[in-house]
N, C-alpha and C. Protein backbone atom coordinates (compact mmCIF):
# COMPACT_ATOMS: atom_id res chain seq x y z
N MET A 1 19.49 29.24 -11.76
CA MET A 1 18.46 28.40 -11.70
C MET A 1 18.63 27.56 -10.87
N GLU A 2 17.66 27.14 -10.31
CA GLU A 2 17.35 25.65 -9.06
C GLU A 2 17.78 24.64 -9.54
N SER A 3 18.10 23.89 -8.87
CA SER A 3 18.78 22.27 -8.87
C SER A 3 17.36 21.36 -9.06
N GLN A 4 16.33 22.02 -8.57
CA GLN A 4 15.25 21.13 -8.27
C GLN A 4 14.32 21.19 -9.41
N ARG A 5 14.57 22.30 -10.20
CA ARG A 5 13.71 22.90 -11.29
C ARG A 5 13.96 22.61 -12.88
N PHE A 6 13.27 21.70 -13.18
CA PHE A 6 13.31 21.51 -14.83
C PHE A 6 12.75 22.54 -15.58
N GLU A 7 13.53 23.16 -16.48
CA GLU A 7 13.10 24.48 -17.11
C GLU A 7 12.81 23.54 -18.61
N ARG A 8 11.77 24.46 -18.94
CA ARG A 8 12.05 24.48 -20.90
C ARG A 8 12.93 24.47 -21.74
N ASP A 9 13.97 25.85 -21.13
CA ASP A 9 15.21 26.01 -22.05
C ASP A 9 16.07 24.60 -21.88
N GLU A 10 16.26 23.69 -20.76
CA GLU A 10 16.77 22.60 -20.98
C GLU A 10 16.97 21.77 -21.69
N VAL A 11 14.88 21.80 -21.94
CA VAL A 11 14.89 20.97 -23.14
C VAL A 11 15.01 21.36 -24.31
N ALA A 12 14.65 22.63 -24.57
CA ALA A 12 15.18 23.09 -25.74
C ALA A 12 16.72 22.98 -26.19
N ALA A 13 17.75 23.23 -25.23
CA ALA A 13 18.94 22.75 -25.44
C ALA A 13 19.45 21.75 -25.66
N ALA A 14 18.58 20.59 -24.96
CA ALA A 14 18.90 19.11 -25.60
C ALA A 14 18.49 18.89 -27.09
N MET A 15 17.49 19.82 -27.49
CA MET A 15 17.15 19.44 -28.80
C MET A 15 18.07 20.24 -29.98
N ALA A 16 18.39 21.04 -29.26
CA ALA A 16 19.23 21.95 -30.27
C ALA A 16 20.71 21.23 -30.30
N ALA A 17 21.37 20.54 -29.19
CA ALA A 17 22.32 19.42 -29.06
C ALA A 17 22.15 18.61 -29.94
N ARG A 18 21.02 17.81 -30.24
CA ARG A 18 20.71 16.92 -31.03
C ARG A 18 20.83 17.39 -32.41
N ARG A 19 20.67 18.27 -32.63
CA ARG A 19 20.41 18.90 -34.06
C ARG A 19 22.00 19.45 -34.47
N GLU A 20 22.57 19.78 -33.55
CA GLU A 20 24.17 20.07 -33.77
C GLU A 20 25.18 18.94 -34.00
N LEU A 21 24.86 17.68 -32.88
CA LEU A 21 25.44 16.74 -33.05
C LEU A 21 25.24 15.62 -33.81
N GLY A 22 23.84 15.56 -34.21
CA GLY A 22 23.22 14.54 -35.14
C GLY A 22 22.71 13.54 -34.75
N PRO A 23 22.21 12.64 -35.64
CA PRO A 23 21.53 11.26 -34.61
C PRO A 23 22.29 10.43 -34.18
N GLN A 24 23.53 10.33 -34.32
CA GLN A 24 24.24 9.12 -33.56
C GLN A 24 24.31 9.55 -32.22
N TYR A 25 24.17 10.82 -31.45
CA TYR A 25 24.33 10.98 -30.24
C TYR A 25 22.80 11.28 -29.63
N GLU A 26 21.74 10.85 -30.43
CA GLU A 26 20.70 10.98 -29.85
C GLU A 26 20.30 10.24 -28.93
N LEU A 27 20.53 8.92 -28.55
CA LEU A 27 20.31 7.82 -27.59
C LEU A 27 21.02 8.74 -26.29
N GLU A 28 22.12 9.04 -26.45
CA GLU A 28 22.66 9.56 -25.18
C GLU A 28 22.34 10.72 -24.98
N LEU A 29 21.94 11.77 -25.60
CA LEU A 29 21.22 12.91 -25.31
C LEU A 29 19.63 12.64 -24.42
N ALA A 30 19.15 11.63 -25.04
CA ALA A 30 17.84 11.37 -24.27
C ALA A 30 17.93 10.73 -23.11
N GLU A 31 18.81 10.00 -22.79
CA GLU A 31 19.30 9.41 -21.76
C GLU A 31 19.67 10.33 -20.61
N SER A 32 20.30 11.33 -21.02
CA SER A 32 20.65 12.43 -20.42
C SER A 32 19.38 13.29 -19.64
N LEU A 33 18.84 13.26 -20.58
CA LEU A 33 17.48 14.37 -20.27
C LEU A 33 16.59 13.68 -19.43
N VAL A 34 16.51 12.40 -19.81
CA VAL A 34 15.30 11.63 -18.72
C VAL A 34 16.63 11.30 -17.36
N ASP A 35 17.70 11.16 -17.34
CA ASP A 35 18.20 11.33 -16.05
C ASP A 35 18.02 12.58 -15.49
N ARG A 36 18.01 13.85 -16.19
CA ARG A 36 17.71 14.82 -15.18
C ARG A 36 16.11 14.91 -14.96
N VAL A 37 15.51 14.64 -15.67
CA VAL A 37 14.24 14.54 -15.06
C VAL A 37 14.02 13.39 -14.02
N ASN A 38 14.23 12.45 -13.89
CA ASN A 38 14.13 11.68 -12.85
C ASN A 38 15.11 12.12 -11.48
N ALA A 39 16.14 13.07 -11.81
CA ALA A 39 16.56 13.58 -10.66
C ALA A 39 15.90 14.58 -9.89
N VAL A 40 14.93 15.29 -10.84
CA VAL A 40 14.28 16.40 -10.58
C VAL A 40 13.23 15.40 -9.56
N ILE A 41 12.28 14.59 -10.18
CA ILE A 41 11.29 14.00 -9.43
C ILE A 41 11.81 13.30 -8.28
N ASP A 42 12.85 12.95 -8.53
CA ASP A 42 13.24 12.33 -6.89
C ASP A 42 13.75 13.22 -5.71
N ALA A 43 14.23 14.65 -6.23
CA ALA A 43 14.50 15.52 -5.41
C ALA A 43 13.10 16.00 -4.73
N ARG A 44 12.04 15.85 -5.77
CA ARG A 44 10.75 16.66 -5.23
C ARG A 44 9.93 15.86 -4.36
N LEU A 45 10.46 14.24 -4.45
CA LEU A 45 9.84 13.22 -3.88
C LEU A 45 10.35 13.16 -2.51
N ALA A 46 11.60 13.52 -2.18
CA ALA A 46 12.37 13.48 -1.25
C ALA A 46 11.62 14.71 -0.08
N SER A 47 11.73 15.75 -0.80
CA SER A 47 11.40 16.90 -0.32
C SER A 47 10.08 17.15 0.19
N ALA A 48 9.30 16.37 -0.08
CA ALA A 48 7.85 16.13 0.06
C ALA A 48 7.64 15.62 1.40
N PRO A 49 6.58 16.32 2.05
CA PRO A 49 6.62 15.46 3.76
C PRO A 49 5.72 14.44 3.56
N ALA A 50 6.12 13.50 4.35
CA ALA A 50 5.24 11.95 4.41
C ALA A 50 3.97 12.10 4.53
N ARG A 51 3.28 11.34 3.92
CA ARG A 51 1.61 11.37 4.34
C ARG A 51 1.25 10.67 5.83
N ARG A 52 0.49 11.72 6.29
CA ARG A 52 -0.08 10.71 7.37
C ARG A 52 -1.08 9.73 7.11
N GLN A 53 -0.80 8.65 8.08
CA GLN A 53 -1.58 7.51 8.04
C GLN A 53 -2.92 7.94 8.82
N GLY A 54 -3.94 7.29 8.40
CA GLY A 54 -5.50 7.58 8.77
C GLY A 54 -5.61 6.81 10.41
N PRO A 55 -6.74 7.08 10.79
CA PRO A 55 -7.06 6.39 12.16
C PRO A 55 -6.91 5.01 12.25
N ASP A 56 -6.67 4.38 13.21
CA ASP A 56 -6.80 2.81 13.36
C ASP A 56 -8.16 2.51 14.02
N TRP A 57 -9.00 2.21 13.08
CA TRP A 57 -10.49 1.96 13.53
C TRP A 57 -10.39 0.79 14.39
N ALA A 58 -9.60 -0.34 14.28
CA ALA A 58 -9.58 -1.15 15.17
C ALA A 58 -9.30 -0.96 16.46
N GLN A 59 -8.24 -0.07 16.69
CA GLN A 59 -7.91 0.16 17.92
C GLN A 59 -8.64 1.19 18.70
N MET A 60 -9.66 1.94 17.56
CA MET A 60 -10.34 3.15 18.25
C MET A 60 -11.46 1.86 18.77
N SER A 61 -11.99 1.13 18.05
CA SER A 61 -13.11 0.16 18.61
C SER A 61 -12.80 -0.80 19.65
N LEU A 62 -11.74 -0.84 19.61
CA LEU A 62 -11.33 -1.72 21.13
C LEU A 62 -11.41 -0.72 22.20
N GLY A 63 -10.88 0.52 22.01
CA GLY A 63 -11.09 1.33 23.32
C GLY A 63 -12.40 1.92 23.42
N LEU A 64 -13.23 1.85 22.60
CA LEU A 64 -14.82 2.77 22.77
C LEU A 64 -15.51 1.25 23.58
N GLY A 65 -15.12 -0.08 22.60
CA GLY A 65 -15.98 -1.46 23.39
C GLY A 65 -15.22 -1.37 24.58
N SER A 66 -14.06 -1.40 25.07
CA SER A 66 -13.77 -1.51 26.34
C SER A 66 -14.63 -0.58 27.58
N LEU A 67 -14.53 0.55 26.93
CA LEU A 67 -15.61 1.86 27.55
C LEU A 67 -16.87 1.28 28.17
N ALA A 68 -17.62 0.89 26.71
CA ALA A 68 -18.96 0.46 27.02
C ALA A 68 -18.98 -0.75 27.85
N MET A 69 -18.14 -1.74 27.60
CA MET A 69 -18.14 -3.24 28.80
C MET A 69 -18.08 -2.61 30.04
N SER A 70 -17.13 -1.69 30.34
CA SER A 70 -16.85 -1.41 31.63
C SER A 70 -17.80 -0.82 32.33
N ILE A 71 -18.91 -0.02 31.92
CA ILE A 71 -20.05 0.62 32.45
C ILE A 71 -20.91 -0.39 32.84
N PRO A 72 -21.71 -1.15 32.21
CA PRO A 72 -22.47 -2.26 33.02
C PRO A 72 -21.66 -3.44 33.88
N LEU A 73 -20.09 -3.59 33.49
CA LEU A 73 -19.48 -4.65 34.34
C LEU A 73 -19.36 -4.00 35.80
N THR A 74 -18.83 -2.63 35.68
CA THR A 74 -18.86 -1.88 36.97
C THR A 74 -19.97 -2.16 37.65
N ALA A 75 -21.25 -1.50 37.43
CA ALA A 75 -22.39 -1.68 37.94
C ALA A 75 -22.80 -3.30 38.68
N ILE A 76 -22.41 -4.33 37.67
CA ILE A 76 -22.67 -5.51 38.07
C ILE A 76 -21.59 -5.83 39.46
N VAL A 77 -20.21 -5.48 39.22
CA VAL A 77 -19.49 -5.95 40.31
C VAL A 77 -19.66 -5.13 41.71
N ALA A 78 -20.50 -3.89 41.32
CA ALA A 78 -20.38 -3.04 42.42
C ALA A 78 -21.87 -3.29 43.27
N ARG A 79 -22.27 -4.29 43.00
CA ARG A 79 -23.40 -5.04 43.54
C ARG A 79 -22.71 -5.87 44.89
N VAL A 80 -21.40 -6.40 44.76
CA VAL A 80 -20.88 -7.51 45.19
C VAL A 80 -20.55 -6.77 46.46
N PRO A 81 -20.73 -8.02 47.97
CA PRO A 81 -20.31 -7.38 49.07
C PRO A 81 -19.24 -6.27 49.17
N SER A 82 -18.09 -7.02 48.88
CA SER A 82 -16.66 -6.44 48.96
C SER A 82 -15.75 -5.98 47.54
N PRO A 83 -16.34 -5.10 46.71
CA PRO A 83 -16.14 -5.27 45.27
C PRO A 83 -14.79 -4.30 45.02
N GLY A 84 -14.24 -3.88 45.51
CA GLY A 84 -12.87 -3.50 45.49
C GLY A 84 -11.74 -4.55 44.54
N PRO A 85 -11.72 -5.77 44.89
CA PRO A 85 -10.50 -6.48 44.45
C PRO A 85 -11.21 -6.99 43.00
N ALA A 86 -12.54 -7.08 42.92
CA ALA A 86 -13.24 -7.29 41.53
C ALA A 86 -13.11 -6.46 40.77
N LEU A 87 -13.33 -5.40 41.08
CA LEU A 87 -13.43 -3.90 40.03
C LEU A 87 -11.91 -4.10 39.77
N LEU A 88 -10.79 -4.24 40.77
CA LEU A 88 -9.77 -4.16 40.23
C LEU A 88 -9.28 -5.43 39.23
N LEU A 89 -9.53 -6.12 39.44
CA LEU A 89 -9.40 -7.29 38.39
C LEU A 89 -9.85 -7.24 37.02
N MET A 90 -11.17 -6.59 37.18
CA MET A 90 -11.94 -6.36 35.96
C MET A 90 -11.37 -5.43 35.05
N PHE A 91 -10.80 -4.11 35.50
CA PHE A 91 -10.06 -3.13 34.77
C PHE A 91 -8.85 -3.56 34.67
N ALA A 92 -8.21 -3.97 35.19
CA ALA A 92 -6.96 -4.93 34.93
C ALA A 92 -6.86 -5.78 33.87
N LEU A 93 -7.77 -6.36 33.47
CA LEU A 93 -8.31 -7.72 32.71
C LEU A 93 -8.38 -6.86 31.33
N ILE A 94 -9.32 -5.49 31.29
CA ILE A 94 -9.51 -4.52 30.39
C ILE A 94 -8.39 -4.01 29.75
N ALA A 95 -7.59 -3.58 30.77
CA ALA A 95 -6.13 -2.90 30.26
C ALA A 95 -5.29 -3.80 29.42
N ALA A 96 -5.26 -5.06 30.07
CA ALA A 96 -4.17 -5.99 29.67
C ALA A 96 -4.65 -6.13 28.08
N VAL A 97 -5.78 -6.36 27.81
CA VAL A 97 -6.22 -6.49 26.39
C VAL A 97 -5.80 -5.24 25.66
N ASN A 98 -6.22 -4.16 26.17
CA ASN A 98 -5.78 -2.90 25.39
C ASN A 98 -4.08 -2.95 24.83
N VAL A 99 -3.54 -3.07 26.48
CA VAL A 99 -2.16 -2.89 26.01
C VAL A 99 -1.30 -4.02 24.79
N ALA A 100 -2.09 -5.46 25.26
CA ALA A 100 -1.67 -6.49 24.27
C ALA A 100 -1.96 -5.71 22.88
N TYR A 101 -3.30 -5.29 22.34
CA TYR A 101 -3.08 -5.08 21.20
C TYR A 101 -1.97 -3.67 20.74
N ALA A 102 -1.87 -2.69 21.38
CA ALA A 102 -1.04 -1.38 21.11
C ALA A 102 0.57 -2.12 21.09
N LEU A 103 0.63 -3.32 22.20
CA LEU A 103 1.89 -3.47 21.93
C LEU A 103 2.16 -4.50 20.63
N SER A 104 1.44 -4.96 20.18
CA SER A 104 1.38 -5.95 19.03
C SER A 104 1.20 -5.18 17.72
N LYS A 105 0.65 -3.82 17.73
CA LYS A 105 0.90 -2.85 16.94
C LYS A 105 2.14 -2.42 16.80
N ILE A 106 3.30 -2.25 17.93
CA ILE A 106 4.33 -1.66 17.95
C ILE A 106 5.13 -2.29 17.30
N THR A 107 5.18 -3.70 17.83
CA THR A 107 6.24 -4.72 17.32
C THR A 107 6.03 -5.27 16.03
N GLY A 108 4.82 -5.14 15.62
CA GLY A 108 4.64 -5.33 14.14
C GLY A 108 3.94 -7.10 14.14
N ARG A 109 3.65 -7.70 14.93
CA ARG A 109 3.22 -9.00 15.02
C ARG A 109 1.50 -9.05 14.34
N ARG A 110 0.95 -7.70 14.38
CA ARG A 110 -0.58 -8.07 14.14
C ARG A 110 -0.54 -7.76 12.26
N ARG A 111 -1.24 -8.91 11.90
CA ARG A 111 -1.55 -9.22 10.54
C ARG A 111 -2.43 -8.28 9.97
N GLY A 112 -2.76 -7.58 9.25
CA GLY A 112 -3.57 -6.59 8.32
C GLY A 112 -2.97 -5.91 7.21
């Protein structure tokens, strides 16, 4: 018999032991049975795979918002006579916001 499986035979054996030993051992038999059931439940919970967390909608919204903002900002900055440094600064700022948010999730500083 598996150690992680709790069979009806074990319950029947506990009831038979109660009949044989009498009511003075009823509490000890009940505690023993509860301990066995708890051990089986703990073993099942320990072997169960961890649940996967759902998507982080705030991070997804930030990424999509950054992408949506970068398109018109690129069009605006492209009209400047020398757009290279302005484009670099714009994308660096967008990246910094996204990286700061990701780091706050990793370090646990974000409340939520």
